[in-house]
PDB file of N, CA and C in Angstrom:
ATOM      1  N   MET A   1      -7.806 -17.427 -28.876  1.00  0.00           N
ATOM      2  CA  MET A   1      -6.406 -17.338 -28.165  1.00  0.00           C
ATOM      3  C   MET A   1      -6.415 -16.587 -27.110  1.00  0.00           C
ATOM      4  N   ASP A   2      -5.859 -17.059 -25.881  1.00  0.00           N
ATOM      5  CA  ASP A   2      -5.885 -16.451 -24.555  1.00  0.00           C
ATOM      6  C   ASP A   2      -4.553 -15.524 -24.586  1.00  0.00           C
ATOM      7  N   ASP A   3      -4.892 -14.260 -24.377  1.00  0.00           N
ATOM      8  CA  ASP A   3      -3.582 -13.314 -24.160  1.00  0.00           C
ATOM      9  C   ASP A   3      -3.208 -13.056 -22.875  1.00  0.00           C
ATOM     10  N   HIS A   4      -3.957 -13.878 -21.866  1.00  0.00           N
ATOM     11  CA  HIS A   4      -3.549 -13.804 -20.558  1.00  0.00           C
ATOM     12  C   HIS A   4      -2.283 -14.530 -20.138  1.00  0.00           C
ATOM     13  N   HIS A   5      -1.441 -14.076 -19.255  1.00  0.00           N
ATOM     14  CA  HIS A   5      -0.270 -14.883 -18.663  1.00  0.00           C
ATOM     15  C   HIS A   5      -0.199 -14.620 -17.193  1.00  0.00           C
ATOM     16  N   THR A   6       0.125 -15.688 -16.542  1.00  0.00           N
ATOM     17  CA  THR A   6       0.183 -15.659 -15.052  1.00  0.00           C
ATOM     18  C   THR A   6       1.648 -15.355 -14.779  1.00  0.00           C
ATOM     19  N   LEU A   7       2.071 -14.349 -14.075  1.00  0.00           N
ATOM     20  CA  LEU A   7       3.386 -14.110 -13.607  1.00  0.00           C
ATOM     21  C   LEU A   7       3.803 -15.012 -12.579  1.00  0.00           C
ATOM     22  N   THR A   8       4.641 -15.892 -12.755  1.00  0.00           N
ATOM     23  CA  THR A   8       5.092 -16.780 -11.612  1.00  0.00           C
ATOM     24  C   THR A   8       6.442 -16.442 -11.020  1.00  0.00           C
ATOM     25  N   ARG A   9       6.736 -17.050  -9.777  1.00  0.00           N
ATOM     26  CA  ARG A   9       7.998 -16.818  -9.128  1.00  0.00           C
ATOM     27  C   ARG A   9       9.262 -17.208 -10.214  1.00  0.00           C
ATOM     28  N   ALA A  10       8.967 -18.180 -10.971  1.00  0.00           N
ATOM     29  CA  ALA A  10      10.029 -18.453 -11.814  1.00  0.00           C
ATOM     30  C   ALA A  10      10.288 -17.298 -12.848  1.00  0.00           C
ATOM     31  N   ASP A  11       9.143 -16.660 -13.352  1.00  0.00           N
ATOM     32  CA  ASP A  11       9.327 -15.673 -14.273  1.00  0.00           C
ATOM     33  C   ASP A  11      10.047 -14.529 -13.530  1.00  0.00           C
ATOM     34  N   LEU A  12       9.679 -14.215 -12.261  1.00  0.00           N
ATOM     35  CA  LEU A  12      10.381 -13.179 -11.420  1.00  0.00           C
ATOM     36  C   LEU A  12      11.950 -13.373 -11.381  1.00  0.00           C
ATOM     37  N   CYS A  13      12.264 -14.725 -11.010  1.00  0.00           N
ATOM     38  CA  CYS A  13      13.671 -15.175 -10.961  1.00  0.00           C
ATOM     39  C   CYS A  13      14.336 -14.991 -12.373  1.00  0.00           C
ATOM     40  N   ASP A  14      13.692 -15.443 -13.422  1.00  0.00           N
ATOM     41  CA  ASP A  14      14.282 -15.142 -14.733  1.00  0.00           C
ATOM     42  C   ASP A  14      14.465 -13.595 -15.110  1.00  0.00           C
ATOM     43  N   ALA A  15      13.515 -12.716 -14.720  1.00  0.00           N
ATOM     44  CA  ALA A  15      13.845 -11.330 -14.826  1.00  0.00           C
ATOM     45  C   ALA A  15      15.101 -10.823 -14.106  1.00  0.00           C
ATOM     46  N   VAL A  16      15.116 -11.468 -12.816  1.00  0.00           N
ATOM     47  CA  VAL A  16      16.226 -10.762 -11.937  1.00  0.00           C
ATOM     48  C   VAL A  16      17.575 -11.268 -12.646  1.00  0.00           C
ATOM     49  N   HIS A  17      17.413 -12.547 -12.984  1.00  0.00           N
ATOM     50  CA  HIS A  17      18.652 -13.205 -13.690  1.00  0.00           C
ATOM     51  C   HIS A  17      19.059 -12.401 -14.803  1.00  0.00           C
ATOM     52  N   GLU A  18      18.095 -12.088 -15.589  1.00  0.00           N
ATOM     53  CA  GLU A  18      18.489 -11.378 -16.896  1.00  0.00           C
ATOM     54  C   GLU A  18      18.975  -9.769 -16.648  1.00  0.00           C
ATOM     55  N   ALA A  19      18.299  -9.221 -15.671  1.00  0.00           N
ATOM     56  CA  ALA A  19      18.659  -7.844 -15.342  1.00  0.00           C
ATOM     57  C   ALA A  19      20.078  -7.749 -14.482  1.00  0.00           C
ATOM     58  N   LEU A  20      20.340  -8.632 -13.645  1.00  0.00           N
ATOM     59  CA  LEU A  20      21.486  -8.389 -12.711  1.00  0.00           C
ATOM     60  C   LEU A  20      22.589  -9.456 -12.996  1.00  0.00           C
ATOM     61  N   GLY A  21      22.268 -10.528 -13.720  1.00  0.00           N
ATOM     62  CA  GLY A  21      23.235 -11.503 -14.072  1.00  0.00           C
ATOM     63  C   GLY A  21      23.711 -12.383 -12.933  1.00  0.00           C
ATOM     64  N   LEU A  22      22.898 -12.368 -11.846  1.00  0.00           N
ATOM     65  CA  LEU A  22      23.108 -13.367 -10.697  1.00  0.00           C
ATOM     66  C   LEU A  22      22.782 -14.800 -11.120  1.00  0.00           C
ATOM     67  N   SER A  23      23.348 -15.668 -10.372  1.00  0.00           N
ATOM     68  CA  SER A  23      23.098 -17.071 -10.790  1.00  0.00           C
ATOM     69  C   SER A  23      21.584 -17.359 -10.587  1.00  0.00           C
ATOM     70  N   ARG A  24      21.012 -18.430 -11.030  1.00  0.00           N
ATOM     71  CA  ARG A  24      19.704 -18.814 -10.946  1.00  0.00           C
ATOM     72  C   ARG A  24      19.189 -19.100  -9.419  1.00  0.00           C
ATOM     73  N   ASN A  25      20.207 -19.528  -8.751  1.00  0.00           N
ATOM     74  CA  ASN A  25      20.007 -19.875  -7.273  1.00  0.00           C
ATOM     75  C   ASN A  25      19.932 -18.545  -6.498  1.00  0.00           C
ATOM     76  N   GLU A  26      20.890 -17.806  -6.692  1.00  0.00           N
ATOM     77  CA  GLU A  26      20.879 -16.306  -6.172  1.00  0.00           C
ATOM     78  C   GLU A  26      19.683 -15.674  -6.413  1.00  0.00           C
ATOM     79  N   CYS A  27      19.170 -15.669  -7.669  1.00  0.00           N
ATOM     80  CA  CYS A  27      17.906 -14.919  -8.036  1.00  0.00           C
ATOM     81  C   CYS A  27      16.689 -15.635  -7.272  1.00  0.00           C
ATOM     82  N   ALA A  28      16.663 -16.920  -7.173  1.00  0.00           N
ATOM     83  CA  ALA A  28      15.553 -17.470  -6.530  1.00  0.00           C
ATOM     84  C   ALA A  28      15.555 -17.163  -4.959  1.00  0.00           C
ATOM     85  N   THR A  29      16.717 -17.163  -4.480  1.00  0.00           N
ATOM     86  CA  THR A  29      16.878 -16.662  -3.147  1.00  0.00           C
ATOM     87  C   THR A  29      16.414 -15.369  -2.890  1.00  0.00           C
ATOM     88  N   LEU A  30      16.900 -14.548  -3.748  1.00  0.00           N
ATOM     89  CA  LEU A  30      16.411 -12.975  -3.638  1.00  0.00           C
ATOM     90  C   LEU A  30      14.978 -12.835  -3.800  1.00  0.00           C
ATOM     91  N   VAL A  31      14.389 -13.557  -4.629  1.00  0.00           N
ATOM     92  CA  VAL A  31      12.860 -13.413  -4.913  1.00  0.00           C
ATOM     93  C   VAL A  31      11.999 -13.981  -3.675  1.00  0.00           C
ATOM     94  N   GLU A  32      12.555 -15.124  -3.374  1.00  0.00           N
ATOM     95  CA  GLU A  32      11.868 -15.854  -2.040  1.00  0.00           C
ATOM     96  C   GLU A  32      11.949 -15.005  -0.956  1.00  0.00           C
ATOM     97  N   ARG A  33      13.168 -14.474  -0.721  1.00  0.00           N
ATOM     98  CA  ARG A  33      13.411 -13.577   0.635  1.00  0.00           C
ATOM     99  C   ARG A  33      12.511 -12.350   0.593  1.00  0.00           C
ATOM    100  N   THR A  34      12.444 -11.729  -0.489  1.00  0.00           N
ATOM    101  CA  THR A  34      11.658 -10.457  -0.804  1.00  0.00           C
ATOM    102  C   THR A  34      10.161 -10.837  -0.572  1.00  0.00           C
ATOM    103  N   LEU A  35       9.649 -11.928  -0.995  1.00  0.00           N
ATOM    104  CA  LEU A  35       8.250 -12.313  -0.743  1.00  0.00           C
ATOM    105  C   LEU A  35       7.967 -12.673   0.651  1.00  0.00           C
ATOM    106  N   GLY A  36       9.080 -13.238   1.099  1.00  0.00           N
ATOM    107  CA  GLY A  36       8.904 -13.766   2.714  1.00  0.00           C
ATOM    108  C   GLY A  36       9.003 -12.562   3.379  1.00  0.00           C
ATOM    109  N   LEU A  37       9.699 -11.482   3.281  1.00  0.00           N
ATOM    110  CA  LEU A  37       9.624 -10.160   4.176  1.00  0.00           C
ATOM    111  C   LEU A  37       8.270  -9.671   4.011  1.00  0.00           C
ATOM    112  N   ILE A  38       7.657  -9.545   2.833  1.00  0.00           N
ATOM    113  CA  ILE A  38       6.372  -8.997   2.690  1.00  0.00           C
ATOM    114  C   ILE A  38       5.333  -9.855   3.471  1.00  0.00           C
ATOM    115  N   VAL A  39       5.249 -11.051   3.488  1.00  0.00           N
ATOM    116  CA  VAL A  39       4.363 -11.863   4.076  1.00  0.00           C
ATOM    117  C   VAL A  39       4.621 -11.928   5.720  1.00  0.00           C
ATOM    118  N   GLU A  40       5.900 -11.868   6.094  1.00  0.00           N
ATOM    119  CA  GLU A  40       6.108 -11.807   7.521  1.00  0.00           C
ATOM    120  C   GLU A  40       5.637 -10.427   8.155  1.00  0.00           C
ATOM    121  N   SER A  41       5.853  -9.342   7.307  1.00  0.00           N
ATOM    122  CA  SER A  41       5.347  -8.023   7.726  1.00  0.00           C
ATOM    123  C   SER A  41       3.765  -8.134   7.892  1.00  0.00           C
ATOM    124  N   LEU A  42       3.131  -8.678   6.886  1.00  0.00           N
ATOM    125  CA  LEU A  42       1.515  -8.724   6.820  1.00  0.00           C
ATOM    126  C   LEU A  42       1.124  -9.638   8.122  1.00  0.00           C
ATOM    127  N   GLU A  43       1.989 -10.712   8.336  1.00  0.00           N
ATOM    128  CA  GLU A  43       1.626 -11.628   9.485  1.00  0.00           C
ATOM    129  C   GLU A  43       1.654 -10.798  10.831  1.00  0.00           C
ATOM    130  N   ARG A  44       2.509  -9.838  10.991  1.00  0.00           N
ATOM    131  CA  ARG A  44       2.629  -8.928  12.262  1.00  0.00           C
ATOM    132  C   ARG A  44       1.645  -7.900  12.259  1.00  0.00           C
ATOM    133  N   GLY A  45       0.644  -7.738  11.179  1.00  0.00           N
ATOM    134  CA  GLY A  45      -0.071  -6.825  10.866  1.00  0.00           C
ATOM    135  C   GLY A  45       0.299  -5.459  10.388  1.00  0.00           C
ATOM    136  N   GLU A  46       1.527  -5.411   9.837  1.00  0.00           N
ATOM    137  CA  GLU A  46       2.072  -4.202   9.399  1.00  0.00           C
ATOM    138  C   GLU A  46       1.714  -3.914   8.002  1.00  0.00           C
ATOM    139  N   THR A  47       1.716  -2.577   7.573  1.00  0.00           N
ATOM    140  CA  THR A  47       1.357  -2.301   6.278  1.00  0.00           C
ATOM    141  C   THR A  47       2.799  -2.347   5.416  1.00  0.00           C
ATOM    142  N   VAL A  48       2.472  -2.785   4.312  1.00  0.00           N
ATOM    143  CA  VAL A  48       3.890  -2.858   3.430  1.00  0.00           C
ATOM    144  C   VAL A  48       3.549  -1.793   2.174  1.00  0.00           C
ATOM    145  N   LYS A  49       4.368  -0.877   2.178  1.00  0.00           N
ATOM    146  CA  LYS A  49       4.245   0.138   0.975  1.00  0.00           C
ATOM    147  C   LYS A  49       5.363  -0.018   0.095  1.00  0.00           C
ATOM    148  N   LEU A  50       5.114  -0.215  -1.062  1.00  0.00           N
ATOM    149  CA  LEU A  50       6.166  -0.220  -2.258  1.00  0.00           C
ATOM    150  C   LEU A  50       6.149   0.945  -3.113  1.00  0.00           C
ATOM    151  N   SER A  51       6.902   1.836  -2.975  1.00  0.00           N
ATOM    152  CA  SER A  51       6.762   3.152  -3.697  1.00  0.00           C
ATOM    153  C   SER A  51       6.567   2.712  -5.233  1.00  0.00           C
ATOM    154  N   GLY A  52       5.600   3.402  -5.710  1.00  0.00           N
ATOM    155  CA  GLY A  52       5.327   3.344  -7.274  1.00  0.00           C
ATOM    156  C   GLY A  52       4.533   2.126  -7.603  1.00  0.00           C
ATOM    157  N   PHE A  53       4.210   1.268  -6.750  1.00  0.00           N
ATOM    158  CA  PHE A  53       3.497   0.001  -6.822  1.00  0.00           C
ATOM    159  C   PHE A  53       2.198  -0.013  -6.109  1.00  0.00           C
ATOM    160  N   GLY A  54       2.290   0.046  -4.824  1.00  0.00           N
ATOM    161  CA  GLY A  54       0.972   0.080  -3.933  1.00  0.00           C
ATOM    162  C   GLY A  54       1.233  -0.224  -2.490  1.00  0.00           C
ATOM    163  N   VAL A  55       0.184  -0.341  -1.946  1.00  0.00           N
ATOM    164  CA  VAL A  55       0.146  -0.800  -0.490  1.00  0.00           C
ATOM    165  C   VAL A  55      -0.615  -1.978  -0.184  1.00  0.00           C
ATOM    166  N   PHE A  56       0.069  -2.874   0.585  1.00  0.00           N
ATOM    167  CA  PHE A  56      -0.746  -4.122   1.173  1.00  0.00           C
ATOM    168  C   PHE A  56      -0.955  -3.881   2.597  1.00  0.00           C
ATOM    169  N   GLN A  57      -2.049  -4.152   3.053  1.00  0.00           N
ATOM    170  CA  GLN A  57      -2.633  -3.820   4.415  1.00  0.00           C
ATOM    171  C   GLN A  57      -3.432  -5.031   4.894  1.00  0.00           C
ATOM    172  N   VAL A  58      -3.287  -5.313   6.151  1.00  0.00           N
ATOM    173  CA  VAL A  58      -4.199  -6.230   6.870  1.00  0.00           C
ATOM    174  C   VAL A  58      -5.290  -5.499   7.551  1.00  0.00           C
ATOM    175  N   ARG A  59      -6.558  -5.968   7.364  1.00  0.00           N
ATOM    176  CA  ARG A  59      -7.582  -5.449   7.864  1.00  0.00           C
ATOM    177  C   ARG A  59      -8.469  -6.289   8.771  1.00  0.00           C
ATOM    178  N   GLU A  60      -8.916  -5.907   9.892  1.00  0.00           N
ATOM    179  CA  GLU A  60      -9.762  -6.780  10.682  1.00  0.00           C
ATOM    180  C   GLU A  60     -11.301  -6.818  10.336  1.00  0.00           C
ATOM    181  N   LYS A  61     -11.725  -7.861   9.983  1.00  0.00           N
ATOM    182  CA  LYS A  61     -13.171  -7.874   9.567  1.00  0.00           C
ATOM    183  C   LYS A  61     -14.069  -8.321  10.701  1.00  0.00           C
ATOM    184  N   ARG A  62     -15.124  -7.707  11.173  1.00  0.00           N
ATOM    185  CA  ARG A  62     -16.034  -8.071  12.308  1.00  0.00           C
ATOM    186  C   ARG A  62     -16.840  -9.282  12.025  1.00  0.00           C
ATOM    187  N   ALA A  63     -17.239  -9.934  12.970  1.00  0.00           N
ATOM    188  CA  ALA A  63     -18.226 -11.052  12.806  1.00  0.00           C
ATOM    189  C   ALA A  63     -19.460 -10.389  12.219  1.00  0.00           C
ATOM    190  N   ARG A  64     -20.184 -11.230  11.375  1.00  0.00           N
ATOM    191  CA  ARG A  64     -21.471 -10.692  10.747  1.00  0.00           C
ATOM    192  C   ARG A  64     -22.310 -11.791  10.364  1.00  0.00           C
ATOM    193  N   MET A  65     -23.615 -11.478   9.899  1.00  0.00           N
ATOM    194  CA  MET A  65     -24.468 -12.416   9.420  1.00  0.00           C
ATOM    195  C   MET A  65     -24.470 -12.493   7.822  1.00  0.00           C
ATOM    196  N   GLY A  66     -24.250 -13.434   7.218  1.00  0.00           N
ATOM    197  CA  GLY A  66     -24.166 -13.524   5.789  1.00  0.00           C
ATOM    198  C   GLY A  66     -25.214 -14.629   5.355  1.00  0.00           C
ATOM    199  N   ARG A  67     -25.141 -14.967   4.084  1.00  0.00           N
ATOM    200  CA  ARG A  67     -26.139 -15.843   3.582  1.00  0.00           C
ATOM    201  C   ARG A  67     -25.415 -16.892   2.661  1.00  0.00           C
ATOM    202  N   ASN A  68     -25.643 -18.090   2.655  1.00  0.00           N
ATOM    203  CA  ASN A  68     -25.210 -19.152   1.842  1.00  0.00           C
ATOM    204  C   ASN A  68     -25.645 -18.718   0.476  1.00  0.00           C
ATOM    205  N   PRO A  69     -24.784 -18.479  -0.557  1.00  0.00           N
ATOM    206  CA  PRO A  69     -25.357 -18.003  -1.744  1.00  0.00           C
ATOM    207  C   PRO A  69     -25.967 -19.093  -2.606  1.00  0.00           C
ATOM    208  N   LYS A  70     -25.963 -20.304  -2.324  1.00  0.00           N
ATOM    209  CA  LYS A  70     -26.591 -21.485  -2.931  1.00  0.00           C
ATOM    210  C   LYS A  70     -27.990 -21.643  -2.373  1.00  0.00           C
ATOM    211  N   THR A  71     -27.979 -21.672  -1.143  1.00  0.00           N
ATOM    212  CA  THR A  71     -29.377 -21.960  -0.461  1.00  0.00           C
ATOM    213  C   THR A  71     -30.227 -20.806   0.036  1.00  0.00           C
ATOM    214  N   GLY A  72     -29.442 -19.684   0.226  1.00  0.00           N
ATOM    215  CA  GLY A  72     -29.894 -18.627   0.708  1.00  0.00           C
ATOM    216  C   GLY A  72     -30.196 -18.543   2.310  1.00  0.00           C
ATOM    217  N   VAL A  73     -29.713 -19.526   3.042  1.00  0.00           N
ATOM    218  CA  VAL A  73     -29.917 -19.782   4.309  1.00  0.00           C
ATOM    219  C   VAL A  73     -28.855 -18.893   5.224  1.00  0.00           C
ATOM    220  N   PRO A  74     -29.282 -18.149   6.012  1.00  0.00           N
ATOM    221  CA  PRO A  74     -28.556 -17.222   6.941  1.00  0.00           C
ATOM    222  C   PRO A  74     -27.233 -17.827   7.547  1.00  0.00           C
ATOM    223  N   ALA A  75     -26.144 -17.349   7.548  1.00  0.00           N
ATOM    224  CA  ALA A  75     -25.009 -18.029   8.247  1.00  0.00           C
ATOM    225  C   ALA A  75     -24.164 -17.083   8.818  1.00  0.00           C
ATOM    226  N   ALA A  76     -23.669 -17.448  10.175  1.00  0.00           N
ATOM    227  CA  ALA A  76     -22.642 -16.628  10.723  1.00  0.00           C
ATOM    228  C   ALA A  76     -21.274 -16.512  10.159  1.00  0.00           C
ATOM    229  N   ILE A  77     -20.637 -15.334   9.759  1.00  0.00           N
ATOM    230  CA  ILE A  77     -19.295 -15.298   9.365  1.00  0.00           C
ATOM    231  C   ILE A  77     -18.514 -14.857  10.484  1.00  0.00           C
ATOM    232  N   ASN A  78     -17.534 -15.635  10.770  1.00  0.00           N
ATOM    233  CA  ASN A  78     -16.612 -15.218  11.868  1.00  0.00           C
ATOM    234  C   ASN A  78     -15.731 -14.034  11.594  1.00  0.00           C
ATOM    235  N   PRO A  79     -15.268 -13.437  12.658  1.00  0.00           N
ATOM    236  CA  PRO A  79     -14.197 -12.358  12.345  1.00  0.00           C
ATOM    237  C   PRO A  79     -12.951 -12.925  11.832  1.00  0.00           C
ATOM    238  N   ARG A  80     -12.363 -12.166  11.093  1.00  0.00           N
ATOM    239  CA  ARG A  80     -11.077 -12.538  10.344  1.00  0.00           C
ATOM    240  C   ARG A  80     -10.247 -11.520   9.866  1.00  0.00           C
ATOM    241  N   ARG A  81      -8.980 -11.832   9.622  1.00  0.00           N
ATOM    242  CA  ARG A  81      -8.098 -10.922   9.073  1.00  0.00           C
ATOM    243  C   ARG A  81      -8.077 -11.052   7.356  1.00  0.00           C
ATOM    244  N   VAL A  82      -8.216 -10.053   6.796  1.00  0.00           N
ATOM    245  CA  VAL A  82      -7.858 -10.075   5.376  1.00  0.00           C
ATOM    246  C   VAL A  82      -7.031  -9.022   4.900  1.00  0.00           C
ATOM    247  N   ILE A  83      -6.323  -9.536   3.722  1.00  0.00           N
ATOM    248  CA  ILE A  83      -5.283  -8.573   3.216  1.00  0.00           C
ATOM    249  C   ILE A  83      -5.937  -7.723   1.963  1.00  0.00           C
ATOM    250  N   SER A  84      -5.624  -6.408   1.952  1.00  0.00           N
ATOM    251  CA  SER A  84      -6.032  -5.517   0.880  1.00  0.00           C
ATOM    252  C   SER A  84      -4.934  -5.100   0.235  1.00  0.00           C
ATOM    253  N   PHE A  85      -5.041  -4.653  -1.051  1.00  0.00           N
ATOM    254  CA  PHE A  85      -3.986  -4.098  -1.837  1.00  0.00           C
ATOM    255  C   PHE A  85      -4.646  -2.777  -2.605  1.00  0.00           C
ATOM    256  N   ARG A  86      -3.905  -1.823  -2.491  1.00  0.00           N
ATOM    257  CA  ARG A  86      -4.403  -0.573  -3.060  1.00  0.00           C
ATOM    258  C   ARG A  86      -3.342  -0.129  -4.060  1.00  0.00           C
ATOM    259  N   ALA A  87      -3.416   0.008  -5.344  1.00  0.00           N
ATOM    260  CA  ALA A  87      -2.355   0.245  -6.239  1.00  0.00           C
ATOM    261  C   ALA A  87      -2.168   1.819  -6.075  1.00  0.00           C
ATOM    262  N   SER A  88      -0.851   2.164  -6.375  1.00  0.00           N
ATOM    263  CA  SER A  88      -0.445   3.535  -6.420  1.00  0.00           C
ATOM    264  C   SER A  88      -0.787   4.183  -7.631  1.00  0.00           C
ATOM    265  N   GLN A  89      -0.927   5.599  -7.533  1.00  0.00           N
ATOM    266  CA  GLN A  89      -1.400   6.359  -8.760  1.00  0.00           C
ATOM    267  C   GLN A  89      -0.531   5.919 -10.023  1.00  0.00           C
ATOM    268  N   ILE A  90       0.695   5.754  -9.821  1.00  0.00           N
ATOM    269  CA  ILE A  90       1.613   5.534 -10.863  1.00  0.00           C
ATOM    270  C   ILE A  90       1.208   4.122 -11.528  1.00  0.00           C
ATOM    271  N   MET A  91       1.017   3.184 -10.643  1.00  0.00           N
ATOM    272  CA  MET A  91       0.491   1.990 -11.171  1.00  0.00           C
ATOM    273  C   MET A  91      -0.748   1.929 -12.011  1.00  0.00           C
ATOM    274  N   LYS A  92      -1.796   2.815 -11.268  1.00  0.00           N
ATOM    275  CA  LYS A  92      -3.090   2.932 -11.949  1.00  0.00           C
ATOM    276  C   LYS A  92      -2.854   3.469 -13.334  1.00  0.00           C
ATOM    277  N   SER A  93      -2.103   4.414 -13.423  1.00  0.00           N
ATOM    278  CA  SER A  93      -1.837   5.382 -14.684  1.00  0.00           C
ATOM    279  C   SER A  93      -1.318   4.483 -15.753  1.00  0.00           C
ATOM    280  N   ARG A  94      -0.340   3.560 -15.355  1.00  0.00           N
ATOM    281  CA  ARG A  94       0.366   2.904 -16.258  1.00  0.00           C
ATOM    282  C   ARG A  94      -0.591   1.684 -16.851  1.00  0.00           C
ATOM    283  N   VAL A  95      -1.361   1.065 -15.938  1.00  0.00           N
ATOM    284  CA  VAL A  95      -2.302   0.012 -16.289  1.00  0.00           C
ATOM    285  C   VAL A  95      -3.417   0.649 -17.185  1.00  0.00           C
ATOM    286  N   HIS A  96      -3.952   1.780 -16.943  1.00  0.00           N
ATOM    287  CA  HIS A  96      -4.927   2.455 -17.509  1.00  0.00           C
ATOM    288  C   HIS A  96      -4.473   2.761 -18.959  1.00  0.00           C
ATOM    289  N   GLY A  97      -3.262   3.423 -19.155  1.00  0.00           N
ATOM    290  CA  GLY A  97      -2.588   3.717 -20.320  1.00  0.00           C
ATOM    291  C   GLY A  97      -2.429   2.349 -21.211  1.00  0.00           C
ATOM    292  N   ALA A  98      -2.139   1.284 -20.594  1.00  0.00           N
ATOM    293  CA  ALA A  98      -1.968   0.079 -21.367  1.00  0.00           C
ATOM    294  C   ALA A  98      -3.245  -0.513 -21.851  1.00  0.00           C
ATOM    295  N   ALA A  99      -4.232  -0.410 -21.094  1.00  0.00           N
ATOM    296  CA  ALA A  99      -5.555  -0.819 -21.521  1.00  0.00           C
ATOM    297  C   ALA A  99      -6.222  -0.090 -22.601  1.00  0.00           C
ATOM    298  N   GLY A 100      -5.760   1.308 -22.885  1.00  0.00           N
ATOM    299  CA  GLY A 100      -6.476   2.076 -23.802  1.00  0.00           C
ATOM    300  C   GLY A 100      -5.628   2.024 -25.077  1.00  0.00           C
TER     301      GLY A 100
END
């Protein structure tokens, strides 16, 4: 039996609905706007810090030579922007405690 569950936007909306008693439409708007603000900030290259949760950051990766993993043939990898996430110490402690 699989104990894993994927947290979805609908799950977030349900949690907000239960916690605040707002209508489902208001909850959906709140969740979408929050996620939208995070994405918009990252698009501008800004760092997003959520206290007690973690930090989302956009990093610039330089062009480099890589390898096709199937064939082993060298291949150029273009420069690109990537998103990284670093969990806060609070989150790390909570997850570590839940795992043990």
